[in-house]
Amino acid sequence: MDINIGIEKAERENIAEGLSRLLADSYTLYLKTHNYHWNVAGPMFQTLHTMFEAQYTELWQALDEIAERIRALGVFAPGTYKAFAELSSIPEEDGVPAAEDMIRNLVAGHEAVVRTARSIFPVAERSSDEPTADLLTQRMQVSEKTAWMLRSLLAK
């Protein structure tokens, strides 16, 4: 059945492409955060273990919201490691970094999510796609706040 929500097919596909990159970044950041939760060690263990759990739980819920928005636009959401690796701007890493490096890596990951979300705004606004703009605003707010909180752990 055709979709008639006031956004042309080409624009819906363009928005969905951006959201697919956001989904890939968010999924990669989710995996990284969950990995750090499992493997963090050192004097900040309890604080970081608990903080990382809250962060990966929030990211997990966001994944569904992003994927469902892609589907509402009439496009299939990516859902494989291969697709996420091709779409994500967040690099994978080998090994287990030290706790402070974990924090730095997560700051960089959240900032990447914000940049990706921000890059989608022009096409969403041009298409009057308020639901996508709202989703992008929420994701940016969460990631900007999370990056700030993580950076604060490194303040001297």
N, C-alpha and C. Protein backbone atom coordinates (compact mmCIF):
# COMPACT_ATOMS: atom_id res chain seq x y z
N MET A 1 0.84 -1.18 0.00
CA MET A 1 0.00 0.00 0.00
C MET A 1 0.89 1.25 0.00
N ASP A 2 0.53 2.23 -0.79
CA ASP A 2 1.30 3.45 -0.86
C ASP A 2 1.23 4.22 0.46
N ILE A 3 2.30 4.94 0.73
CA ILE A 3 2.36 5.78 1.93
C ILE A 3 2.06 7.21 1.51
N ASN A 4 1.13 7.85 2.21
CA ASN A 4 0.73 9.21 1.89
C ASN A 4 0.70 10.02 3.18
N ILE A 5 1.89 10.40 3.66
CA ILE A 5 1.98 11.16 4.92
C ILE A 5 2.42 12.60 4.67
N GLY A 6 2.42 13.02 3.41
CA GLY A 6 2.79 14.39 3.10
C GLY A 6 4.28 14.59 2.85
N ILE A 7 5.02 13.50 2.78
CA ILE A 7 6.45 13.56 2.46
C ILE A 7 6.67 12.65 1.26
N GLU A 8 7.22 13.21 0.19
CA GLU A 8 7.45 12.44 -1.02
C GLU A 8 8.40 11.26 -0.76
N LYS A 9 8.26 10.21 -1.57
CA LYS A 9 9.04 8.99 -1.39
C LYS A 9 10.54 9.26 -1.36
N ALA A 10 11.03 10.07 -2.28
CA ALA A 10 12.47 10.34 -2.34
C ALA A 10 12.95 11.02 -1.06
N GLU A 11 12.15 11.91 -0.54
CA GLU A 11 12.51 12.60 0.71
C GLU A 11 12.45 11.63 1.90
N ARG A 12 11.44 10.77 1.93
CA ARG A 12 11.35 9.77 3.00
C ARG A 12 12.58 8.86 2.96
N GLU A 13 13.00 8.47 1.77
CA GLU A 13 14.17 7.61 1.64
C GLU A 13 15.45 8.34 2.05
N ASN A 14 15.53 9.62 1.74
CA ASN A 14 16.69 10.41 2.13
C ASN A 14 16.77 10.55 3.66
N ILE A 15 15.63 10.82 4.28
CA ILE A 15 15.58 10.91 5.74
C ILE A 15 15.94 9.56 6.36
N ALA A 16 15.38 8.50 5.81
CA ALA A 16 15.64 7.15 6.33
C ALA A 16 17.11 6.77 6.20
N GLU A 17 17.76 7.24 5.14
CA GLU A 17 19.19 6.97 4.99
C GLU A 17 19.97 7.62 6.13
N GLY A 18 19.63 8.85 6.46
CA GLY A 18 20.27 9.52 7.58
C GLY A 18 19.97 8.83 8.89
N LEU A 19 18.72 8.44 9.08
CA LEU A 19 18.35 7.72 10.30
C LEU A 19 19.04 6.37 10.39
N SER A 20 19.30 5.75 9.26
CA SER A 20 20.03 4.47 9.25
C SER A 20 21.47 4.68 9.75
N ARG A 21 22.08 5.80 9.37
CA ARG A 21 23.42 6.12 9.89
C ARG A 21 23.36 6.39 11.39
N LEU A 22 22.30 7.08 11.84
CA LEU A 22 22.12 7.33 13.27
C LEU A 22 21.91 6.03 14.02
N LEU A 23 21.14 5.12 13.44
CA LEU A 23 20.91 3.81 14.05
C LEU A 23 22.23 3.05 14.17
N ALA A 24 23.03 3.08 13.12
CA ALA A 24 24.32 2.38 13.13
C ALA A 24 25.26 2.98 14.17
N ASP A 25 25.32 4.30 14.24
CA ASP A 25 26.16 4.95 15.26
C ASP A 25 25.67 4.59 16.66
N SER A 26 24.37 4.63 16.85
CA SER A 26 23.81 4.35 18.17
C SER A 26 24.03 2.90 18.57
N TYR A 27 23.92 2.00 17.61
CA TYR A 27 24.14 0.57 17.90
C TYR A 27 25.61 0.31 18.23
N THR A 28 26.49 0.92 17.46
CA THR A 28 27.92 0.75 17.71
C THR A 28 28.28 1.32 19.09
N LEU A 29 27.71 2.47 19.43
CA LEU A 29 27.96 3.07 20.74
C LEU A 29 27.35 2.20 21.85
N TYR A 30 26.19 1.64 21.60
CA TYR A 30 25.57 0.71 22.56
C TYR A 30 26.52 -0.46 22.84
N LEU A 31 27.03 -1.10 21.78
CA LEU A 31 27.93 -2.25 21.95
C LEU A 31 29.18 -1.86 22.72
N LYS A 32 29.74 -0.72 22.37
CA LYS A 32 30.96 -0.25 23.03
C LYS A 32 30.69 0.00 24.51
N THR A 33 29.58 0.64 24.82
CA THR A 33 29.23 0.95 26.21
C THR A 33 28.98 -0.32 27.00
N HIS A 34 28.30 -1.28 26.40
CA HIS A 34 28.02 -2.55 27.09
C HIS A 34 29.33 -3.30 27.33
N ASN A 35 30.20 -3.32 26.35
CA ASN A 35 31.51 -3.94 26.49
C ASN A 35 32.28 -3.31 27.66
N TYR A 36 32.27 -1.99 27.73
CA TYR A 36 32.97 -1.31 28.81
C TYR A 36 32.34 -1.64 30.17
N HIS A 37 31.04 -1.73 30.21
CA HIS A 37 30.35 -2.11 31.45
C HIS A 37 30.87 -3.46 31.95
N TRP A 38 31.02 -4.40 31.05
CA TRP A 38 31.50 -5.73 31.43
C TRP A 38 32.96 -5.73 31.85
N ASN A 39 33.77 -4.89 31.22
CA ASN A 39 35.22 -5.01 31.34
C ASN A 39 35.94 -3.89 32.06
N VAL A 40 35.22 -2.90 32.56
CA VAL A 40 35.89 -1.81 33.27
C VAL A 40 36.57 -2.35 34.53
N ALA A 41 37.71 -1.76 34.85
CA ALA A 41 38.45 -2.15 36.05
C ALA A 41 39.13 -0.91 36.61
N GLY A 42 39.53 -0.99 37.86
CA GLY A 42 40.27 0.10 38.48
C GLY A 42 39.48 0.79 39.57
N PRO A 43 40.04 1.89 40.10
CA PRO A 43 39.43 2.56 41.24
C PRO A 43 38.04 3.14 40.97
N MET A 44 37.73 3.42 39.71
CA MET A 44 36.40 3.97 39.37
C MET A 44 35.42 2.86 38.98
N PHE A 45 35.76 1.60 39.26
CA PHE A 45 34.95 0.48 38.78
C PHE A 45 33.47 0.66 39.09
N GLN A 46 33.11 0.80 40.34
CA GLN A 46 31.69 0.81 40.72
C GLN A 46 30.94 1.96 40.04
N THR A 47 31.53 3.13 40.07
CA THR A 47 30.91 4.30 39.45
C THR A 47 30.69 4.08 37.96
N LEU A 48 31.75 3.64 37.27
CA LEU A 48 31.66 3.46 35.82
C LEU A 48 30.78 2.28 35.44
N HIS A 49 30.88 1.19 36.18
CA HIS A 49 30.07 0.01 35.90
C HIS A 49 28.58 0.40 35.94
N THR A 50 28.20 1.12 36.97
CA THR A 50 26.80 1.55 37.12
C THR A 50 26.41 2.57 36.06
N MET A 51 27.29 3.54 35.82
CA MET A 51 27.00 4.58 34.82
C MET A 51 26.87 3.99 33.43
N PHE A 52 27.79 3.09 33.06
CA PHE A 52 27.74 2.48 31.74
C PHE A 52 26.46 1.67 31.56
N GLU A 53 26.00 1.00 32.61
CA GLU A 53 24.76 0.24 32.51
C GLU A 53 23.58 1.15 32.20
N ALA A 54 23.50 2.27 32.90
CA ALA A 54 22.41 3.23 32.63
C ALA A 54 22.50 3.74 31.19
N GLN A 55 23.73 3.99 30.73
CA GLN A 55 23.90 4.51 29.39
C GLN A 55 23.55 3.49 28.32
N TYR A 56 24.00 2.24 28.47
CA TYR A 56 23.68 1.27 27.42
C TYR A 56 22.19 0.90 27.44
N THR A 57 21.56 0.97 28.61
CA THR A 57 20.12 0.70 28.68
C THR A 57 19.35 1.78 27.93
N GLU A 58 19.75 3.03 28.10
CA GLU A 58 19.10 4.13 27.39
C GLU A 58 19.32 4.00 25.89
N LEU A 59 20.53 3.66 25.48
CA LEU A 59 20.82 3.49 24.06
C LEU A 59 20.01 2.35 23.46
N TRP A 60 19.86 1.26 24.19
CA TRP A 60 19.09 0.11 23.71
C TRP A 60 17.67 0.52 23.37
N GLN A 61 17.06 1.31 24.25
CA GLN A 61 15.69 1.76 24.01
C GLN A 61 15.63 2.71 22.81
N ALA A 62 16.66 3.53 22.65
CA ALA A 62 16.68 4.47 21.53
C ALA A 62 16.77 3.76 20.19
N LEU A 63 17.45 2.62 20.17
CA LEU A 63 17.59 1.87 18.91
C LEU A 63 16.22 1.54 18.33
N ASP A 64 15.32 1.11 19.17
CA ASP A 64 13.98 0.74 18.71
C ASP A 64 13.24 1.96 18.16
N GLU A 65 13.36 3.09 18.84
CA GLU A 65 12.69 4.30 18.38
C GLU A 65 13.20 4.73 17.00
N ILE A 66 14.50 4.68 16.83
CA ILE A 66 15.09 5.08 15.54
C ILE A 66 14.66 4.13 14.43
N ALA A 67 14.76 2.82 14.70
CA ALA A 67 14.39 1.82 13.68
C ALA A 67 12.91 1.93 13.33
N GLU A 68 12.08 2.15 14.32
CA GLU A 68 10.64 2.26 14.04
C GLU A 68 10.31 3.52 13.24
N ARG A 69 11.07 4.58 13.44
CA ARG A 69 10.86 5.79 12.62
C ARG A 69 11.23 5.52 11.17
N ILE A 70 12.32 4.78 10.97
CA ILE A 70 12.71 4.39 9.61
C ILE A 70 11.59 3.60 8.96
N ARG A 71 11.02 2.65 9.69
CA ARG A 71 9.93 1.82 9.15
C ARG A 71 8.69 2.66 8.88
N ALA A 72 8.38 3.63 9.74
CA ALA A 72 7.21 4.49 9.52
C ALA A 72 7.36 5.30 8.24
N LEU A 73 8.61 5.55 7.84
CA LEU A 73 8.86 6.27 6.60
C LEU A 73 8.81 5.35 5.38
N GLY A 74 8.58 4.06 5.62
CA GLY A 74 8.41 3.12 4.51
C GLY A 74 9.69 2.48 4.01
N VAL A 75 10.73 2.51 4.83
CA VAL A 75 12.03 1.96 4.45
C VAL A 75 12.40 0.88 5.45
N PHE A 76 13.09 -0.15 4.99
CA PHE A 76 13.56 -1.19 5.91
C PHE A 76 14.75 -0.67 6.70
N ALA A 77 14.76 -0.94 7.99
CA ALA A 77 15.86 -0.53 8.86
C ALA A 77 17.01 -1.53 8.76
N PRO A 78 18.25 -1.04 8.75
CA PRO A 78 19.38 -1.97 8.77
C PRO A 78 19.38 -2.73 10.09
N GLY A 79 19.87 -3.96 10.06
CA GLY A 79 19.84 -4.74 11.29
C GLY A 79 20.92 -5.80 11.38
N THR A 80 22.00 -5.62 10.64
CA THR A 80 23.09 -6.59 10.71
C THR A 80 24.38 -5.88 11.11
N TYR A 81 25.30 -6.66 11.67
CA TYR A 81 26.61 -6.09 12.01
C TYR A 81 27.28 -5.52 10.78
N LYS A 82 27.16 -6.23 9.67
CA LYS A 82 27.77 -5.77 8.42
C LYS A 82 27.22 -4.40 8.01
N ALA A 83 25.91 -4.26 8.04
CA ALA A 83 25.29 -2.98 7.67
C ALA A 83 25.70 -1.89 8.64
N PHE A 84 25.68 -2.18 9.92
CA PHE A 84 26.06 -1.18 10.91
C PHE A 84 27.51 -0.76 10.74
N ALA A 85 28.40 -1.72 10.46
CA ALA A 85 29.82 -1.40 10.27
C ALA A 85 30.02 -0.49 9.06
N GLU A 86 29.24 -0.70 8.02
CA GLU A 86 29.35 0.12 6.82
C GLU A 86 28.78 1.52 7.03
N LEU A 87 27.76 1.64 7.87
CA LEU A 87 27.06 2.91 8.05
C LEU A 87 27.60 3.76 9.19
N SER A 88 28.24 3.16 10.16
CA SER A 88 28.62 3.87 11.38
C SER A 88 29.86 4.74 11.18
N SER A 89 29.86 5.89 11.85
CA SER A 89 31.04 6.75 11.86
C SER A 89 31.90 6.48 13.10
N ILE A 90 31.45 5.59 13.97
CA ILE A 90 32.17 5.27 15.20
C ILE A 90 33.01 4.03 14.97
N PRO A 91 34.32 4.16 15.14
CA PRO A 91 35.18 3.00 14.89
C PRO A 91 35.08 1.95 15.99
N GLU A 92 35.25 0.70 15.58
CA GLU A 92 35.38 -0.38 16.57
C GLU A 92 36.80 -0.35 17.08
N GLU A 93 37.02 -1.02 18.18
CA GLU A 93 38.38 -1.07 18.71
C GLU A 93 38.71 -2.49 19.14
N ASP A 94 39.98 -2.76 19.18
CA ASP A 94 40.46 -4.06 19.65
C ASP A 94 40.89 -3.91 21.10
N GLY A 95 40.73 -4.97 21.86
CA GLY A 95 41.22 -4.96 23.23
C GLY A 95 40.30 -4.22 24.18
N VAL A 96 40.79 -4.07 25.40
CA VAL A 96 40.04 -3.40 26.44
C VAL A 96 40.87 -2.22 26.93
N PRO A 97 40.44 -1.00 26.67
CA PRO A 97 41.20 0.16 27.10
C PRO A 97 41.12 0.38 28.62
N ALA A 98 42.00 1.20 29.12
CA ALA A 98 41.95 1.61 30.53
C ALA A 98 40.67 2.43 30.75
N ALA A 99 40.24 2.51 32.00
CA ALA A 99 38.98 3.18 32.34
C ALA A 99 38.90 4.60 31.79
N GLU A 100 39.97 5.39 31.96
CA GLU A 100 39.92 6.77 31.46
C GLU A 100 39.83 6.81 29.94
N ASP A 101 40.45 5.87 29.27
CA ASP A 101 40.33 5.80 27.81
C ASP A 101 38.92 5.38 27.40
N MET A 102 38.30 4.51 28.19
CA MET A 102 36.90 4.16 27.94
C MET A 102 36.05 5.43 27.96
N ILE A 103 36.26 6.24 28.97
CA ILE A 103 35.48 7.48 29.10
C ILE A 103 35.71 8.37 27.88
N ARG A 104 36.96 8.56 27.50
CA ARG A 104 37.27 9.39 26.33
C ARG A 104 36.62 8.83 25.06
N ASN A 105 36.68 7.52 24.90
CA ASN A 105 36.08 6.88 23.71
C ASN A 105 34.57 7.07 23.69
N LEU A 106 33.93 6.99 24.85
CA LEU A 106 32.48 7.17 24.90
C LEU A 106 32.09 8.62 24.65
N VAL A 107 32.90 9.56 25.15
CA VAL A 107 32.65 10.97 24.82
C VAL A 107 32.68 11.15 23.31
N ALA A 108 33.73 10.62 22.68
CA ALA A 108 33.85 10.73 21.21
C ALA A 108 32.66 10.07 20.52
N GLY A 109 32.21 8.94 21.03
CA GLY A 109 31.07 8.24 20.44
C GLY A 109 29.79 9.05 20.55
N HIS A 110 29.55 9.63 21.71
CA HIS A 110 28.34 10.44 21.88
C HIS A 110 28.39 11.70 21.02
N GLU A 111 29.57 12.27 20.90
CA GLU A 111 29.70 13.45 20.03
C GLU A 111 29.47 13.07 18.57
N ALA A 112 29.90 11.87 18.17
CA ALA A 112 29.64 11.40 16.80
C ALA A 112 28.14 11.22 16.57
N VAL A 113 27.44 10.68 17.55
CA VAL A 113 25.98 10.53 17.44
C VAL A 113 25.33 11.90 17.26
N VAL A 114 25.78 12.88 18.02
CA VAL A 114 25.22 14.23 17.89
C VAL A 114 25.47 14.79 16.49
N ARG A 115 26.69 14.63 15.99
CA ARG A 115 26.99 15.14 14.64
C ARG A 115 26.13 14.45 13.58
N THR A 116 25.96 13.14 13.72
CA THR A 116 25.13 12.42 12.75
C THR A 116 23.69 12.90 12.82
N ALA A 117 23.15 13.02 14.02
CA ALA A 117 21.77 13.50 14.19
C ALA A 117 21.63 14.90 13.60
N ARG A 118 22.58 15.76 13.90
CA ARG A 118 22.52 17.14 13.41
C ARG A 118 22.55 17.19 11.87
N SER A 119 23.27 16.26 11.26
CA SER A 119 23.38 16.26 9.79
C SER A 119 22.07 15.89 9.10
N ILE A 120 21.15 15.29 9.82
CA ILE A 120 19.87 14.85 9.24
C ILE A 120 18.83 15.98 9.28
N PHE A 121 19.04 16.94 10.16
CA PHE A 121 18.05 18.02 10.33
C PHE A 121 17.67 18.73 9.04
N PRO A 122 18.60 19.12 8.18
CA PRO A 122 18.18 19.89 7.00
C PRO A 122 17.13 19.19 6.14
N VAL A 123 17.30 17.92 5.88
CA VAL A 123 16.31 17.23 5.04
C VAL A 123 15.01 17.01 5.81
N ALA A 124 15.09 16.75 7.10
CA ALA A 124 13.86 16.58 7.89
C ALA A 124 13.08 17.90 7.94
N GLU A 125 13.78 18.99 8.15
CA GLU A 125 13.11 20.30 8.19
C GLU A 125 12.55 20.69 6.83
N ARG A 126 13.32 20.43 5.77
CA ARG A 126 12.86 20.75 4.41
C ARG A 126 11.57 20.00 4.09
N SER A 127 11.43 18.80 4.65
CA SER A 127 10.26 17.96 4.38
C SER A 127 9.16 18.14 5.41
N SER A 128 9.34 19.07 6.33
CA SER A 128 8.39 19.26 7.43
C SER A 128 8.14 17.96 8.18
N ASP A 129 9.21 17.22 8.43
CA ASP A 129 9.12 15.94 9.13
C ASP A 129 9.37 16.17 10.62
N GLU A 130 8.35 16.69 11.29
CA GLU A 130 8.46 17.01 12.70
C GLU A 130 8.73 15.79 13.59
N PRO A 131 8.13 14.61 13.32
CA PRO A 131 8.46 13.46 14.16
C PRO A 131 9.94 13.10 14.12
N THR A 132 10.56 13.16 12.94
CA THR A 132 11.99 12.89 12.86
C THR A 132 12.78 13.99 13.55
N ALA A 133 12.40 15.24 13.35
CA ALA A 133 13.10 16.34 14.01
C ALA A 133 13.02 16.20 15.53
N ASP A 134 11.87 15.78 16.03
CA ASP A 134 11.71 15.57 17.47
C ASP A 134 12.62 14.45 17.96
N LEU A 135 12.66 13.36 17.21
CA LEU A 135 13.52 12.23 17.56
C LEU A 135 14.99 12.67 17.57
N LEU A 136 15.39 13.43 16.55
CA LEU A 136 16.77 13.90 16.47
C LEU A 136 17.11 14.81 17.65
N THR A 137 16.18 15.70 18.01
CA THR A 137 16.39 16.60 19.15
C THR A 137 16.58 15.80 20.43
N GLN A 138 15.74 14.80 20.64
CA GLN A 138 15.87 13.96 21.84
C GLN A 138 17.21 13.25 21.88
N ARG A 139 17.62 12.67 20.76
CA ARG A 139 18.89 11.94 20.73
C ARG A 139 20.06 12.88 20.98
N MET A 140 20.01 14.08 20.40
CA MET A 140 21.07 15.04 20.61
C MET A 140 21.14 15.48 22.06
N GLN A 141 19.99 15.73 22.68
CA GLN A 141 19.98 16.14 24.08
C GLN A 141 20.60 15.08 24.98
N VAL A 142 20.22 13.84 24.77
CA VAL A 142 20.74 12.75 25.60
C VAL A 142 22.25 12.59 25.40
N SER A 143 22.69 12.57 24.16
CA SER A 143 24.12 12.36 23.90
C SER A 143 24.97 13.54 24.33
N GLU A 144 24.47 14.76 24.15
CA GLU A 144 25.24 15.92 24.61
C GLU A 144 25.38 15.91 26.13
N LYS A 145 24.30 15.57 26.83
CA LYS A 145 24.34 15.51 28.30
C LYS A 145 25.26 14.38 28.76
N THR A 146 25.17 13.24 28.11
CA THR A 146 26.01 12.10 28.49
C THR A 146 27.49 12.42 28.26
N ALA A 147 27.81 13.06 27.14
CA ALA A 147 29.20 13.44 26.86
C ALA A 147 29.69 14.41 27.93
N TRP A 148 28.87 15.35 28.32
CA TRP A 148 29.24 16.31 29.36
C TRP A 148 29.52 15.58 30.67
N MET A 149 28.65 14.67 31.05
CA MET A 149 28.84 13.93 32.31
C MET A 149 30.11 13.09 32.27
N LEU A 150 30.38 12.46 31.15
CA LEU A 150 31.59 11.66 31.02
C LEU A 150 32.83 12.55 31.07
N ARG A 151 32.79 13.67 30.34
CA ARG A 151 33.93 14.60 30.37
C ARG A 151 34.19 15.09 31.79
N SER A 152 33.15 15.28 32.57
CA SER A 152 33.29 15.77 33.94
C SER A 152 34.07 14.79 34.81
N LEU A 153 34.01 13.51 34.50
CA LEU A 153 34.78 12.52 35.25
C LEU A 153 36.28 12.70 35.05
N LEU A 154 36.66 13.32 33.96
CA LEU A 154 38.08 13.51 33.63
C LEU A 154 38.63 14.85 34.08
N ALA A 155 37.75 15.73 34.59
CA ALA A 155 38.18 17.06 35.00
C ALA A 155 39.15 16.97 36.18
N LYS A 156 40.13 17.78 36.14
CA LYS A 156 41.13 17.80 37.21
C LYS A 156 40.93 18.98 38.11
